[in-house]
Protein backbone atom coordinates (compact mmCIF):
# COMPACT_ATOMS: atom_id res chain seq x y z
CA MET A 1 87.26 -164.68 56.48
CA SER A 2 90.00 -166.93 57.91
CA GLU A 3 93.50 -167.08 56.47
CA PHE A 4 94.26 -169.93 54.06
CA SER A 5 96.15 -172.72 55.83
CA ILE A 6 96.23 -176.49 56.10
CA VAL A 7 93.85 -176.20 59.06
CA GLU A 8 91.30 -174.21 57.05
CA PHE A 9 91.85 -176.54 54.08
CA ILE A 10 90.90 -179.53 56.25
CA LYS A 11 87.94 -177.70 57.83
CA ILE A 12 86.43 -176.72 54.47
CA LEU A 13 86.99 -180.16 53.00
CA GLN A 14 85.60 -182.05 56.01
CA SER A 15 82.49 -179.86 56.26
CA ASN A 16 81.62 -180.79 52.67
CA MET A 17 82.23 -184.54 53.00
CA TYR A 18 79.96 -187.16 54.50
CA ASN A 19 80.83 -189.63 57.28
CA VAL A 20 84.40 -188.36 57.67
CA SER A 21 85.64 -186.75 60.91
CA GLN A 22 88.47 -184.20 60.99
CA GLU A 23 90.77 -186.78 62.56
CA LYS A 24 89.90 -189.39 59.93
CA LEU A 25 90.40 -186.85 57.14
CA PHE A 26 93.78 -185.89 58.58
CA GLU A 27 94.77 -189.56 58.52
CA LYS A 28 93.56 -190.00 54.93
CA LEU A 29 95.56 -186.96 53.81
CA PHE A 30 98.82 -187.70 55.57
CA ALA A 31 99.06 -191.48 55.98
CA PRO A 32 100.24 -192.10 52.38
CA PHE A 33 103.17 -189.72 52.87
CA TYR A 34 103.92 -191.12 56.32
CA ASN A 35 104.32 -194.55 54.72
CA GLU A 36 106.80 -193.16 52.19
CA MET A 37 109.17 -191.78 54.82
CA ASP A 38 112.36 -193.34 56.01
CA SER A 39 111.85 -195.16 59.30
CA GLU A 40 114.18 -192.65 60.97
CA ASP A 41 111.87 -189.78 59.99
CA SER A 42 108.56 -191.57 60.59
CA ASP A 43 109.65 -192.63 64.08
CA GLN A 44 109.86 -188.93 65.04
CA ILE A 45 106.29 -188.20 63.95
CA SER A 46 103.12 -188.53 65.96
CA MET A 47 99.73 -188.95 64.29
CA SER A 48 97.96 -189.36 67.62
CA SER A 49 94.55 -187.82 68.35
CA LYS A 50 96.29 -185.34 70.66
CA LYS A 51 98.71 -184.21 67.94
CA VAL A 52 95.92 -183.82 65.38
CA SER A 53 93.91 -181.79 67.91
CA GLU A 54 96.92 -179.52 68.61
CA ILE A 55 97.41 -178.90 64.89
CA MET A 56 93.72 -178.23 64.26
CA ASN A 57 93.61 -175.78 67.19
CA GLY A 58 96.70 -173.90 66.04
CA LYS A 59 98.83 -175.05 68.97
CA ALA A 60 101.28 -176.96 66.76
CA GLY A 61 102.38 -176.93 63.14
CA ILE A 62 102.61 -179.71 60.57
CA HIS A 63 105.69 -181.89 61.04
CA SER A 64 108.58 -180.66 58.89
CA GLN A 65 109.08 -184.22 57.60
CA PHE A 66 105.56 -184.15 56.15
CA LYS A 67 106.23 -180.81 54.51
CA ALA A 68 109.43 -182.10 52.90
CA VAL A 69 107.82 -185.26 51.49
CA ILE A 70 104.67 -183.53 50.25
CA ASP A 71 106.59 -180.60 48.76
CA SER A 72 108.82 -182.96 46.76
CA ALA A 73 105.90 -185.08 45.51
CA SER A 74 104.40 -184.26 42.12
CA VAL A 75 100.84 -182.93 41.81
CA ASP A 76 99.90 -186.16 40.02
CA GLU A 77 101.17 -188.25 42.94
CA VAL A 78 99.23 -186.19 45.46
CA ALA A 79 96.16 -186.15 43.19
CA GLU A 80 96.15 -189.94 43.26
CA THR A 81 95.60 -189.83 47.03
CA PHE A 82 92.67 -187.42 46.61
CA LYS A 83 91.15 -189.46 43.77
CA LYS A 84 91.29 -192.68 45.80
CA ASP A 85 90.69 -191.60 49.41
CA ILE A 86 89.03 -188.13 49.42
CA CYS A 87 86.89 -187.39 46.36
CA PRO A 88 84.62 -190.46 46.76
CA TYR A 89 83.31 -188.84 49.97
CA ILE A 90 82.44 -185.53 48.26
CA SER A 91 79.06 -185.19 46.58
CA LEU A 92 78.80 -183.56 43.16
CA GLU A 93 76.56 -180.87 44.68
CA SER A 94 79.42 -179.77 46.98
CA VAL A 95 82.14 -179.34 44.35
CA GLU A 96 81.33 -175.76 43.31
CA ARG A 97 80.81 -174.71 46.93
CA ILE A 98 84.24 -176.10 47.88
CA LYS A 99 85.89 -174.27 44.99
CA TRP A 100 84.13 -171.01 45.88
CA LEU A 101 85.13 -171.26 49.55
CA PHE A 102 88.78 -171.86 48.68
CA SER A 103 88.82 -169.13 46.04
CA SER A 104 87.26 -166.56 48.41
CA MET A 105 89.64 -167.42 51.23
CA ILE A 106 92.73 -167.20 49.03
CA GLU A 107 91.68 -163.88 47.48
CA ASP A 108 91.06 -162.37 50.92
CA ASP A 109 94.33 -163.60 52.45
CA LYS A 110 96.75 -160.63 52.38
CA ASP A 111 99.69 -162.90 53.30
CA ILE A 112 99.55 -164.78 49.99
CA PRO A 113 101.67 -163.10 47.26
CA PRO A 114 99.60 -161.77 44.34
CA LYS A 115 101.24 -164.15 41.85
CA ASP A 116 100.33 -167.11 44.02
CA VAL A 117 96.77 -165.82 44.36
CA CYS A 118 96.48 -165.69 40.56
CA ARG A 119 98.01 -169.15 40.16
CA LEU A 120 95.82 -170.79 42.81
CA THR A 121 92.57 -169.15 41.71
CA ALA A 122 93.35 -170.08 38.07
CA LEU A 123 93.81 -173.69 39.22
CA ILE A 124 90.45 -173.60 41.02
CA GLU A 125 88.67 -172.14 37.97
CA SER A 126 90.31 -174.54 35.52
CA GLU A 127 88.60 -177.56 33.96
CA LYS A 128 90.97 -179.92 35.76
CA ASP A 129 89.67 -182.86 37.74
CA LEU A 130 88.73 -182.01 41.35
CA SER A 131 91.47 -184.33 42.62
CA GLU A 132 94.12 -182.26 40.78
CA VAL A 133 92.68 -178.98 42.06
CA LEU A 134 92.66 -180.20 45.65
CA ALA A 135 96.15 -181.67 45.28
CA GLY A 136 97.56 -178.32 44.17
CA LEU A 137 95.85 -176.47 47.00
CA PHE A 138 96.94 -179.10 49.52
CA LYS A 139 100.60 -178.90 48.47
CA TYR A 140 100.51 -175.13 48.87
CA ALA A 141 98.57 -175.10 52.16
CA VAL A 142 100.67 -177.72 53.93
CA CYS A 143 103.80 -175.56 53.66
CA ILE A 144 102.19 -172.41 55.09
CA PRO A 145 103.28 -171.91 58.72
CA TYR A 146 100.22 -172.17 60.93
CA GLU A 147 100.65 -171.76 64.63
CA LYS A 148 98.67 -169.13 66.48
CA PRO A 149 101.01 -166.78 68.33
CA VAL A 150 100.96 -167.42 72.04
CA LYS A 151 99.40 -164.41 73.72
CA GLU A 152 101.37 -163.53 76.82
CA PRO A 153 99.01 -162.35 79.57
CA LYS A 154 99.47 -158.76 80.67
CA ILE A 155 98.69 -158.31 84.36
CA HIS A 156 97.56 -154.90 85.64
CA TYR A 157 96.37 -155.85 89.11
CA CYS A 158 97.01 -158.76 91.48
CA SER A 159 95.22 -159.19 94.81
CA SER A 160 97.44 -159.40 97.87
CA VAL A 161 95.79 -162.71 98.82
CA ILE A 162 97.81 -164.38 96.07
CA LYS A 163 101.13 -165.46 97.56
CA ARG A 164 103.75 -164.90 94.88
CA THR A 165 107.18 -163.60 93.98
CA ASP A 166 107.92 -161.23 91.11
CA GLU A 167 109.22 -164.15 89.06
CA SER A 168 106.23 -166.43 89.59
CA ASP A 169 103.45 -167.06 87.11
CA ILE A 170 100.54 -165.15 88.64
CA LEU A 171 97.87 -167.12 86.76
CA ALA A 172 99.39 -170.44 87.81
CA GLU A 173 99.73 -169.27 91.40
CA CYS A 174 96.09 -168.16 91.47
CA LYS A 175 94.95 -171.51 90.09
CA GLU A 176 97.10 -173.45 92.53
CA GLN A 177 95.81 -171.52 95.55
CA PHE A 178 92.15 -171.15 94.66
CA GLY A 179 91.46 -173.83 92.07
CA SER A 180 90.19 -173.69 88.50
CA TYR A 181 87.79 -171.01 87.32
CA ILE A 182 84.82 -171.09 84.98
CA ASP A 183 85.84 -169.32 81.77
CA LEU A 184 82.81 -167.22 80.83
CA ASP A 185 84.59 -166.07 77.65
CA LYS A 186 84.20 -169.62 76.36
CA THR A 187 80.94 -170.82 77.92
CA LYS A 188 78.75 -167.67 77.76
CA ASP A 189 75.93 -169.73 79.28
CA ALA A 190 75.95 -168.82 82.97
CA LYS A 191 72.70 -167.00 83.70
CA GLN A 192 73.78 -165.79 87.13
CA LEU A 193 77.13 -165.80 88.89
CA GLU A 194 77.09 -167.94 92.01
CA THR A 195 78.46 -167.14 95.45
CA GLY A 196 81.76 -168.88 96.16
CA LYS A 197 82.59 -169.81 92.56
CA MET A 198 85.62 -168.57 90.59
CA TYR A 199 85.19 -167.04 87.15
CA LYS A 200 87.13 -165.47 84.30
CA LEU A 201 85.44 -162.83 82.15
CA THR A 202 86.60 -160.32 79.56
CA THR A 203 84.30 -157.32 79.54
CA GLU A 204 84.08 -153.53 79.63
CA CYS A 205 84.49 -152.21 83.17
CA GLY A 206 83.75 -148.88 84.79
CA LEU A 207 86.28 -147.37 87.21
CA LYS A 208 86.29 -144.57 89.76
CA GLN A 209 88.16 -143.66 92.92
CA VAL A 210 86.29 -144.08 96.22
CA MET A 211 87.03 -143.73 99.92
CA VAL A 212 86.66 -146.96 101.90
CA ARG A 213 87.39 -146.86 105.65
CA ALA A 214 89.53 -143.73 105.27
CA THR A 215 91.54 -145.31 102.43
CA PHE A 216 91.42 -144.44 98.74
CA MET A 217 90.44 -147.45 96.63
CA THR A 218 89.71 -148.00 92.96
CA LYS A 219 86.16 -149.20 92.48
CA LEU A 220 85.53 -151.40 89.46
CA TRP A 221 82.19 -152.63 88.15
CA PHE A 222 80.86 -154.57 85.18
CA THR A 223 77.57 -155.98 83.94
CA TYR A 224 76.97 -159.64 83.14
CA ASN A 225 73.61 -160.94 81.91
CA GLY A 226 71.97 -157.67 82.96
CA ILE A 227 73.27 -157.78 86.54
CA ARG A 228 75.83 -155.28 87.84
CA TYR A 229 78.78 -156.62 89.82
CA GLU A 230 81.37 -154.51 91.63
CA ALA A 231 84.47 -154.64 93.82
CA GLU A 232 86.98 -152.30 95.45
CA THR A 233 90.64 -152.79 94.55
CA SER A 234 93.60 -151.57 96.55
CA ILE A 235 95.66 -148.95 94.74
CA SER A 236 98.88 -150.55 95.95
CA ASN A 237 97.99 -153.83 94.23
CA TRP A 238 97.89 -152.27 90.78
CA ILE A 239 101.17 -153.06 89.00
CA SER A 240 101.41 -149.51 87.63
CA GLU A 241 99.74 -146.67 89.51
CA SER A 242 100.08 -144.36 86.51
CA TYR A 243 98.32 -146.93 84.32
CA MET A 244 95.51 -147.14 86.87
CA ASN A 245 95.23 -143.35 87.00
CA ASN A 246 94.92 -143.20 83.22
CA GLN A 247 92.09 -145.75 83.31
CA LEU A 248 90.40 -143.79 86.10
CA SER A 249 90.56 -140.66 83.94
CA ALA A 250 89.01 -142.55 81.03
CA GLY A 251 86.33 -143.92 83.34
CA LYS A 252 86.14 -147.29 81.60
CA ALA A 253 88.32 -149.98 80.01
CA GLU A 254 88.05 -153.53 78.72
CA PHE A 255 89.74 -156.01 81.05
CA SER A 256 89.98 -159.74 81.64
CA LEU A 257 89.05 -160.44 85.24
CA ILE A 258 89.54 -163.46 87.46
CA PHE A 259 87.22 -163.15 90.42
CA LYS A 260 85.04 -164.94 92.96
CA GLY A 261 81.40 -164.25 93.64
CA LEU A 262 80.97 -163.04 97.24
CA ASN A 263 77.29 -162.18 97.37
CA LYS A 264 75.06 -162.82 94.40
CA ASP A 265 72.21 -160.87 95.98
CA ASN A 266 74.02 -157.51 95.99
CA GLY A 267 76.46 -158.27 93.15
CA THR A 268 79.67 -158.15 95.21
CA VAL A 269 82.77 -159.95 93.91
CA HIS A 270 86.39 -160.27 94.96
CA ILE A 271 88.83 -159.66 92.12
CA TYR A 272 92.04 -161.66 92.14
CA ILE A 273 93.55 -160.58 88.83
CA ILE A 274 92.90 -157.79 86.32
CA GLY A 275 94.70 -157.82 83.01
CA GLU A 276 94.66 -158.78 79.35
CA MET A 277 94.48 -162.57 79.13
């Protein structure tokens, strides 16, 4: 179950309304408060499609000016917006489902203080008009910080073909030199990896030490769509040799890989980057 937030509030509401997109719902919810702001505050706020997308994807939070105006508004004032612009798009058959979804999410969210859980669930279970219930939940949700923490990539191995300095962004350098890659973590629809194409994949890998042309190498392999792919990696290109040795001892580890298909017939790839991305 997701954590309760303005993003989840909008998702639940929109999925139980008809003929209203997320972007349109966002506008319906926030436009009345935007119009109440001083011009100095409203001029600093963007309600563009890009901004709405960033908020809905957790890449940005709600503008602080919105939070201030909505927090200071009474429940009755906010309920008026729901009664006029939101509730007419919700069918009677969806009301109990909406309440149940909100109640379940709030009860499961460990970041909401117990007293607030009791207060919000009591509001949901009350005989109040749906517009008042949604207004109370909206006022609470809009003030919850909601920005997904940016996950810093952790690089364990970088191929020597990537020209870089210690200070450079390895992922950016790889992209600049070799172009964009197909992110298999997102698509999951490639049936077979193609020769010459770049990919990113997070998967469990096997590791062992092998001798290649009188030099010790770390062999890494993984399976994708039932086909085994493998590559040899130079020990000197691992950021930490002790880390690599620990993974060799374990015999397997989950990694994110950026690689190019070299020969689809025998499953050979060249790995550019190994890490946690």
